[in-house]
Amino acid sequence: MAATAKAGKTPPRARPVPRAIAAAPPPQANGVLRLTSTSDEEEAREPLFYIDDVEYTIPVEPPASIALEALHIVAEGGGSPVAQMMAEDYVMTEMLGEEGYAALRGCKTLKSADLRRVIEVCSERANAAMEEEGNPNR
């Protein structure tokens, strides 16, 4: 039965429904991580190469989720060479962005040594979180 207000009586006040406040969670509380799935901060990027004087950049500190997804791709593929290439392709796409990666693939003057350098920088930067100094698993 729904509650109704009788004439002359003030209806009870509705209680406000608490809303989640998007505050930066503490890094750890009692050993439990509290993460947010997105960031409001603009990603810091730096130049990696230029094609026809157009600058292409990579993140200064890429999210660890890039390395984690690449690891997952390799594991799903059984560690095969194809799975490793797919993971590398994923890392390049995430690090350079769709436009940067497409520009690099379409660059007719790209030399093997330059490609190896770009792949090396992107891979090292993406995997840096997993290769942290002092990590006993590395």
Foldseek 3Di string as FASTA:
>chain_A
DDDDDDPPDDDDDDDDDDDDDPDDDDCDDPNDGDDDPDDPDDFDWDFDDDDPNRTWIFGPQDDLVLVVVLVVQCVVVVVDPVSNVVSLVSLCCNGRPPVRVVVQVPDPPDDPVSVVVSSVVSVCRNCCVVVDPPPPVD
